[in-house]
Amino acid sequence: MSWWTEPLTRWAAALNMPFVTEQGEVASRLSTGAWWQQEDTWCMQLDAFTYARFPNWSGTDELRDALAWTIRQARPVGKGTQDMLSLKYEELCQLDMANLAIRIQAGEVISGLAADRWIYPGHLFIIQQQHPPRVGEGNSYWQQELPDVLSATIGAVWFSRLGETEDVLVYASRSQLEEVSLELSDDASEYGLLSLLEVGQLLTSALAEEALTNVRIAVSKQITAAKEIYAGMASAILAFHLPSSHNRDTNVHVFGQAPLQLLAQLATVEARTAFFQMLMERATAPMDAWPEDWMETVQAVLAANLNISEAARHLYVHRNTLLHKVERLRQLTGHDVRLSGDAVILYLASLIMRQPALNSKS
């Protein structure tokens, strides 16, 4: 008896849907749980070369998604039986940021994924429990609720559990995400990084409420073809490492939010040292003599688009007080945060200064 026999038989009995299992080449090109139609008959892949036909049955999209999820969850999981997607994901999770950045440029087709059937362009969402259980002690309740949450927030989307982890990979087309964006902002022209952030926040809130599980989510770069899925996973994993300082929700990370943070992280020690040497050429005092709150001041002014009044409100200080701080900072650093170029230079310096690895070597 195959591993899929029991769950499939239980479903068939409960829904009165007869099925026939067959083998064929079409199934070998699809991933477990994938649906397609063959002469008006719905078919679903079970394992590498076996699929089920459901004559005279045309269940709803929700039922097909639920059955596919059940079959995927019943699949044996182990190092020897993991599918290629899970193996690639685990490989990427072991890489440091520099190597992830390299993988983002890769074009690699993941066999058995059937991503050529997806609608492009789109984005990948990686969903992780904030406090995942140890291997072998997984709590799959939140994953049981996931199909309903995804359907209610985004619509019918492809998703898959990733190997032995409790992580889930979701793919949604841009057209689907634009529809969600319209519902959230009533302005389709606003689709972009902020819209992706809002969709992620919507998912985290829904899973907390419906599945009683706190998760964190990373959103990949835009994907335009099946060969970019691998690179998309790498970009989403990299996003987990780069929370944007402008994103108050630290549970949602969108690739593209934090390019300066990435630059600060990936610059070599030699490049960072040279950067600070150049920075100090205009300074009149060493960095340890700069005001203790100079980083906070720079970030507030940048976040306010160089508007001193707005930055003062954010810092809960009087405008004249902030002007005095800004002028004092200009005298000591040689850089005026009211000028965009100087503000970005000081902001990049603040990002680098927050890295203990650099501080211990410089």
Protein backbone atom coordinates (compact mmCIF):
# COMPACT_ATOMS: atom_id res chain seq x y z
CA MET A 1 0.00 0.00 0.00
CA SER A 2 1.38 3.42 -0.96
CA TRP A 3 1.69 6.28 1.52
CA TRP A 4 -1.09 8.23 -0.24
CA THR A 5 -3.62 5.36 -0.25
CA GLU A 6 -5.17 5.95 3.18
CA PRO A 7 -5.72 9.74 3.00
CA LEU A 8 -6.98 9.55 -0.57
CA THR A 9 -9.41 6.72 0.25
CA ARG A 10 -10.74 8.60 3.28
CA TRP A 11 -11.39 11.68 1.20
CA ALA A 12 -13.04 9.70 -1.58
CA ALA A 13 -15.39 8.02 0.87
CA ALA A 14 -16.29 11.24 2.65
CA LEU A 15 -17.05 13.17 -0.55
CA ASN A 16 -18.37 10.28 -2.63
CA MET A 17 -15.81 10.86 -5.35
CA PRO A 18 -14.58 7.69 -7.10
CA PHE A 19 -11.02 7.75 -8.36
CA VAL A 20 -8.67 5.70 -10.50
CA THR A 21 -4.89 5.68 -10.10
CA GLU A 22 -2.69 5.54 -13.17
CA GLN A 23 0.90 6.01 -14.17
CA GLY A 24 2.15 8.19 -16.96
CA GLU A 25 4.74 10.68 -18.15
CA VAL A 26 2.60 13.72 -17.38
CA ALA A 27 2.72 12.97 -13.67
CA SER A 28 6.51 12.72 -13.61
CA ARG A 29 6.74 16.39 -14.60
CA LEU A 30 4.52 17.65 -11.77
CA SER A 31 4.90 18.00 -8.01
CA THR A 32 2.84 16.11 -5.43
CA GLY A 33 -0.64 17.63 -5.10
CA ALA A 34 -0.61 19.34 -8.52
CA TRP A 35 -3.96 19.38 -10.37
CA TRP A 36 -4.67 19.40 -14.10
CA GLN A 37 -7.49 18.43 -16.43
CA GLN A 38 -7.32 15.53 -18.86
CA GLU A 39 -10.24 15.42 -21.29
CA ASP A 40 -12.46 17.32 -18.84
CA THR A 41 -11.49 14.99 -15.98
CA TRP A 42 -9.64 16.35 -12.98
CA CYS A 43 -6.31 14.63 -12.18
CA MET A 44 -3.90 15.05 -9.30
CA GLN A 45 -0.31 13.89 -8.93
CA LEU A 46 0.33 11.51 -6.02
CA ASP A 47 3.99 10.58 -6.32
CA ALA A 48 6.73 10.79 -8.93
CA PHE A 49 4.95 8.64 -11.54
CA THR A 50 1.45 8.07 -10.19
CA TYR A 51 -1.61 10.23 -10.48
CA ALA A 52 -5.29 9.93 -9.63
CA ARG A 53 -8.19 10.57 -12.01
CA PHE A 54 -11.58 11.64 -10.63
CA PRO A 55 -14.22 10.80 -13.27
CA ASN A 56 -17.49 12.72 -13.03
CA TRP A 57 -16.23 14.90 -10.19
CA SER A 58 -15.76 18.66 -10.37
CA GLY A 59 -15.17 19.83 -6.82
CA THR A 60 -14.56 23.47 -5.95
CA ASP A 61 -11.11 25.06 -6.01
CA GLU A 62 -11.16 25.07 -2.21
CA LEU A 63 -11.80 21.31 -2.05
CA ARG A 64 -9.06 20.56 -4.56
CA ASP A 65 -6.61 22.76 -2.64
CA ALA A 66 -7.54 21.07 0.63
CA LEU A 67 -7.11 17.57 -0.82
CA ALA A 68 -3.76 18.55 -2.34
CA TRP A 69 -2.62 19.89 1.03
CA THR A 70 -3.67 16.64 2.76
CA ILE A 71 -1.75 14.53 0.26
CA ARG A 72 1.37 16.70 0.59
CA GLN A 73 1.25 16.46 4.37
CA ALA A 74 0.96 12.66 4.22
CA ARG A 75 4.06 12.41 2.06
CA PRO A 76 7.02 10.72 3.82
CA VAL A 77 9.60 13.29 4.81
CA GLY A 78 13.23 12.42 5.27
CA LYS A 79 16.63 13.19 3.85
CA GLY A 80 16.26 10.42 1.31
CA THR A 81 12.74 11.28 0.19
CA GLN A 82 12.60 15.09 0.29
CA ASP A 83 11.67 16.70 -2.99
CA MET A 84 14.08 18.94 -4.85
CA LEU A 85 12.36 22.13 -3.70
CA SER A 86 12.93 21.28 -0.03
CA LEU A 87 16.54 20.31 -0.66
CA LYS A 88 17.21 23.59 -2.48
CA TYR A 89 15.52 25.55 0.29
CA GLU A 90 17.58 23.86 3.01
CA GLU A 91 20.72 24.51 0.97
CA LEU A 92 19.92 28.21 0.72
CA CYS A 93 19.13 28.49 4.43
CA GLN A 94 22.68 27.37 5.23
CA LEU A 95 24.31 30.16 3.19
CA ASP A 96 25.62 33.47 4.51
CA MET A 97 24.46 36.77 3.10
CA ALA A 98 27.27 37.11 0.59
CA ASN A 99 26.50 33.73 -0.98
CA LEU A 100 22.76 34.40 -0.92
CA ALA A 101 23.42 37.59 -2.88
CA ILE A 102 25.24 35.49 -5.47
CA ARG A 103 22.36 33.00 -5.70
CA ILE A 104 19.93 35.84 -6.43
CA GLN A 105 21.61 36.13 -9.81
CA ALA A 106 21.26 32.41 -10.56
CA GLY A 107 18.92 30.97 -13.14
CA GLU A 108 18.13 27.42 -12.09
CA VAL A 109 15.05 25.32 -12.81
CA ILE A 110 13.92 23.22 -9.85
CA SER A 111 12.86 19.84 -11.18
CA GLY A 112 9.40 18.50 -10.37
CA LEU A 113 8.00 21.90 -9.36
CA ALA A 114 5.79 22.43 -12.44
CA ALA A 115 6.29 26.17 -12.06
CA ASP A 116 5.83 26.57 -15.80
CA ARG A 117 2.10 26.42 -15.03
CA TRP A 118 2.19 29.45 -12.74
CA ILE A 119 1.06 32.90 -13.81
CA TYR A 120 3.91 35.43 -14.04
CA PRO A 121 5.10 37.84 -12.80
CA GLY A 122 4.63 37.16 -9.11
CA HIS A 123 6.29 36.84 -5.71
CA LEU A 124 7.21 34.07 -3.28
CA PHE A 125 6.24 34.33 0.37
CA ILE A 126 8.18 32.29 2.94
CA ILE A 127 6.17 31.80 6.14
CA GLN A 128 7.98 30.70 9.29
CA GLN A 129 6.78 30.21 12.84
CA GLN A 130 8.44 32.74 15.13
CA HIS A 131 9.24 30.00 17.64
CA PRO A 132 9.44 26.80 15.59
CA PRO A 133 9.35 23.46 17.44
CA ARG A 134 12.24 21.06 17.35
CA VAL A 135 12.39 18.58 14.48
CA GLY A 136 9.94 15.78 15.14
CA GLU A 137 7.80 17.89 17.46
CA GLY A 138 6.03 19.97 14.84
CA ASN A 139 2.69 21.63 15.45
CA SER A 140 0.84 21.43 12.14
CA TYR A 141 -2.38 23.05 13.37
CA TRP A 142 -1.47 26.40 11.86
CA GLN A 143 -0.72 24.71 8.54
CA GLN A 144 -4.17 23.10 8.60
CA GLU A 145 -5.65 26.59 8.80
CA LEU A 146 -3.27 28.01 6.17
CA PRO A 147 -5.36 27.12 3.06
CA ASP A 148 -8.35 29.00 4.44
CA VAL A 149 -6.24 31.99 5.45
CA LEU A 150 -4.56 32.17 2.04
CA SER A 151 -7.88 31.83 0.24
CA ALA A 152 -9.44 34.58 2.33
CA THR A 153 -6.54 37.01 1.98
CA ILE A 154 -5.05 36.40 -1.47
CA GLY A 155 -7.18 33.77 -3.21
CA ALA A 156 -6.32 30.39 -4.71
CA VAL A 157 -2.51 30.19 -4.64
CA TRP A 158 0.16 27.51 -4.87
CA PHE A 159 1.87 26.62 -1.59
CA SER A 160 4.04 23.84 -0.22
CA ARG A 161 5.56 22.72 3.07
CA LEU A 162 9.35 22.74 2.89
CA GLY A 163 10.78 19.38 3.92
CA GLU A 164 11.25 18.64 7.62
CA THR A 165 10.78 22.26 8.66
CA GLU A 166 7.51 23.92 9.57
CA ASP A 167 8.21 26.56 6.90
CA VAL A 168 5.78 27.10 4.03
CA LEU A 169 6.45 28.51 0.57
CA VAL A 170 3.65 30.39 -1.20
CA TYR A 171 3.52 31.75 -4.73
CA ALA A 172 1.08 34.52 -5.69
CA SER A 173 0.86 36.25 -9.06
CA ARG A 174 1.17 40.00 -9.33
CA SER A 175 -2.42 40.24 -10.60
CA GLN A 176 -3.65 38.56 -7.40
CA LEU A 177 -1.54 40.82 -5.22
CA GLU A 178 -2.75 43.90 -7.10
CA GLU A 179 -6.33 42.92 -6.30
CA VAL A 180 -5.46 42.66 -2.62
CA SER A 181 -3.66 45.99 -2.86
CA LEU A 182 -6.77 47.59 -4.32
CA GLU A 183 -8.85 46.32 -1.41
CA LEU A 184 -6.33 47.67 1.08
CA SER A 185 -5.63 51.09 -0.45
CA ASP A 186 -8.26 51.73 -3.15
CA ASP A 187 -5.44 52.78 -5.46
CA ALA A 188 -3.90 50.23 -7.84
CA SER A 189 -1.08 52.65 -8.66
CA GLU A 190 0.22 52.11 -5.12
CA TYR A 191 1.23 48.49 -5.82
CA GLY A 192 4.85 47.99 -4.89
CA LEU A 193 7.00 47.37 -1.82
CA LEU A 194 4.49 48.96 0.52
CA SER A 195 1.67 46.86 -0.91
CA LEU A 196 3.71 43.68 -0.47
CA LEU A 197 4.42 44.74 3.11
CA GLU A 198 0.69 45.23 3.71
CA VAL A 199 -0.14 41.81 2.26
CA GLY A 200 2.47 40.25 4.55
CA GLN A 201 1.02 42.06 7.54
CA LEU A 202 -2.46 40.89 6.53
CA LEU A 203 -1.24 37.27 6.48
CA THR A 204 0.55 37.51 9.84
CA SER A 205 -2.55 39.01 11.45
CA ALA A 206 -4.87 36.40 9.92
CA LEU A 207 -2.66 33.49 11.02
CA ALA A 208 -2.41 34.91 14.53
CA GLU A 209 -6.18 35.24 14.73
CA GLU A 210 -7.33 32.12 12.84
CA ALA A 211 -4.46 29.71 13.54
CA LEU A 212 -3.29 31.10 16.89
CA THR A 213 0.26 31.16 15.56
CA ASN A 214 2.71 34.04 15.32
CA VAL A 215 4.71 33.90 12.13
CA ARG A 216 7.25 35.95 10.28
CA ILE A 217 7.10 36.38 6.53
CA ALA A 218 9.64 37.22 3.84
CA VAL A 219 8.63 38.33 0.35
CA SER A 220 10.89 37.65 -2.64
CA LYS A 221 11.94 39.79 -5.54
CA GLN A 222 9.60 39.83 -8.51
CA ILE A 223 9.72 36.54 -10.43
CA THR A 224 9.03 36.52 -14.18
CA ALA A 225 9.79 32.92 -15.18
CA ALA A 226 10.09 29.41 -13.73
CA LYS A 227 13.89 29.55 -13.86
CA GLU A 228 13.82 32.42 -11.32
CA ILE A 229 12.13 30.43 -8.52
CA TYR A 230 15.48 29.39 -7.02
CA ALA A 231 16.76 32.98 -7.10
CA GLY A 232 13.44 34.13 -5.67
CA MET A 233 13.82 31.82 -2.67
CA ALA A 234 17.34 33.18 -2.13
CA SER A 235 16.06 36.78 -2.20
CA ALA A 236 13.32 36.02 0.33
CA ILE A 237 15.75 34.29 2.71
CA LEU A 238 18.11 37.26 2.35
CA ALA A 239 15.23 39.59 3.22
CA PHE A 240 14.93 37.85 6.59
CA HIS A 241 18.44 39.10 7.37
CA LEU A 242 17.66 42.71 6.43
CA PRO A 243 14.80 44.25 8.42
CA SER A 244 14.17 47.77 7.17
CA SER A 245 14.55 50.55 9.71
CA HIS A 246 11.44 52.12 8.17
CA ASN A 247 9.36 48.98 8.76
CA ARG A 248 7.83 48.97 12.22
CA ASP A 249 6.48 45.46 11.71
CA THR A 250 9.60 43.37 12.28
CA ASN A 251 7.68 40.21 11.35
CA VAL A 252 7.40 41.10 7.65
CA HIS A 253 10.48 41.50 5.44
CA VAL A 254 10.21 42.49 1.78
CA PHE A 255 13.19 42.14 -0.55
CA GLY A 256 13.98 45.60 -1.89
CA GLN A 257 13.24 47.49 1.31
CA ALA A 258 16.79 47.72 2.59
CA PRO A 259 19.42 48.18 -0.16
CA LEU A 260 21.66 50.33 2.04
CA GLN A 261 21.52 47.76 4.83
CA LEU A 262 22.59 45.12 2.33
CA LEU A 263 25.45 47.28 1.12
CA ALA A 264 26.60 47.88 4.68
CA GLN A 265 26.48 44.17 5.47
CA LEU A 266 28.30 42.96 2.37
CA ALA A 267 31.07 45.56 2.19
CA THR A 268 34.46 44.12 3.09
CA VAL A 269 36.26 45.23 6.24
CA GLU A 270 38.79 47.01 4.03
CA ALA A 271 36.05 48.90 2.17
CA ARG A 272 34.34 49.91 5.42
CA THR A 273 37.62 51.09 6.92
CA ALA A 274 38.32 53.22 3.83
CA PHE A 275 34.77 54.58 4.00
CA PHE A 276 35.28 55.82 7.56
CA GLN A 277 38.67 57.27 6.65
CA MET A 278 36.99 59.28 3.88
CA LEU A 279 34.15 60.25 6.22
CA MET A 280 36.58 61.66 8.77
CA GLU A 281 38.40 63.84 6.24
CA ARG A 282 35.61 66.43 6.64
CA ALA A 283 35.11 65.93 10.38
CA THR A 284 36.51 68.26 13.03
CA ALA A 285 36.22 65.74 15.87
CA PRO A 286 36.66 61.96 16.22
CA MET A 287 33.51 59.86 16.13
CA ASP A 288 33.56 59.15 19.86
CA ALA A 289 33.17 62.90 20.39
CA TRP A 290 30.02 63.12 18.24
CA PRO A 291 26.69 63.45 20.11
CA GLU A 292 25.48 60.15 21.55
CA ASP A 293 22.17 60.47 19.69
CA TRP A 294 23.62 61.37 16.27
CA MET A 295 22.39 58.13 14.68
CA GLU A 296 18.86 58.69 15.94
CA THR A 297 18.93 62.27 14.64
CA VAL A 298 20.10 61.22 11.18
CA GLN A 299 17.51 58.46 10.87
CA ALA A 300 14.68 60.74 12.02
CA VAL A 301 15.57 63.44 9.49
CA LEU A 302 15.82 60.92 6.67
CA ALA A 303 12.55 59.23 7.64
CA ALA A 304 10.91 62.68 7.51
CA ASN A 305 12.27 63.32 3.99
CA LEU A 306 14.62 66.01 5.40
CA ASN A 307 11.69 67.91 6.90
CA ILE A 308 13.03 69.22 10.21
CA SER A 309 9.61 70.01 11.65
CA GLU A 310 8.34 66.50 10.91
CA ALA A 311 11.51 64.93 12.30
CA ALA A 312 11.17 67.01 15.48
CA ARG A 313 7.62 65.70 15.97
CA HIS A 314 8.88 62.14 15.53
CA LEU A 315 11.61 62.70 18.14
CA TYR A 316 9.22 64.55 20.48
CA VAL A 317 11.50 67.61 20.65
CA HIS A 318 10.99 71.25 19.73
CA ARG A 319 11.96 72.23 16.19
CA ASN A 320 14.58 74.70 17.44
CA THR A 321 16.08 72.00 19.65
CA LEU A 322 16.49 69.71 16.65
CA LEU A 323 17.93 72.54 14.54
CA HIS A 324 20.54 73.07 17.24
CA LYS A 325 21.38 69.34 17.20
CA VAL A 326 21.65 69.34 13.40
CA GLU A 327 23.92 72.38 13.36
CA ARG A 328 26.15 70.93 16.09
CA LEU A 329 26.37 67.66 14.14
CA ARG A 330 27.37 69.59 11.01
CA GLN A 331 30.16 71.34 12.87
CA LEU A 332 31.58 68.07 14.22
CA THR A 333 31.09 65.79 11.19
CA GLY A 334 31.38 68.22 8.29
CA HIS A 335 28.10 66.78 6.95
CA ASP A 336 24.73 68.54 7.01
CA VAL A 337 21.79 66.12 7.34
CA ARG A 338 19.54 68.73 5.72
CA LEU A 339 21.33 67.92 2.45
CA SER A 340 20.30 64.59 0.90
CA GLY A 341 23.82 63.45 -0.03
CA ASP A 342 25.25 64.18 3.41
CA ALA A 343 22.26 62.56 5.11
CA VAL A 344 22.70 59.32 3.16
CA ILE A 345 26.44 59.22 3.97
CA LEU A 346 25.80 59.61 7.69
CA TYR A 347 22.97 57.09 7.55
CA LEU A 348 25.23 54.51 5.91
CA ALA A 349 27.84 55.21 8.59
CA SER A 350 25.22 54.53 11.27
CA LEU A 351 24.30 51.22 9.65
CA ILE A 352 27.92 50.10 9.55
CA MET A 353 28.55 51.22 13.11
CA ARG A 354 25.79 48.89 14.33
CA GLN A 355 27.70 45.82 13.16
CA PRO A 356 29.74 44.31 16.01
CA ALA A 357 31.92 42.39 13.56
CA LEU A 358 33.20 45.65 12.09
CA ASN A 359 33.52 47.43 15.40
CA SER A 360 35.79 44.65 16.68
CA LYS A 361 38.05 44.83 13.65
CA SER A 362 38.25 48.57 12.98
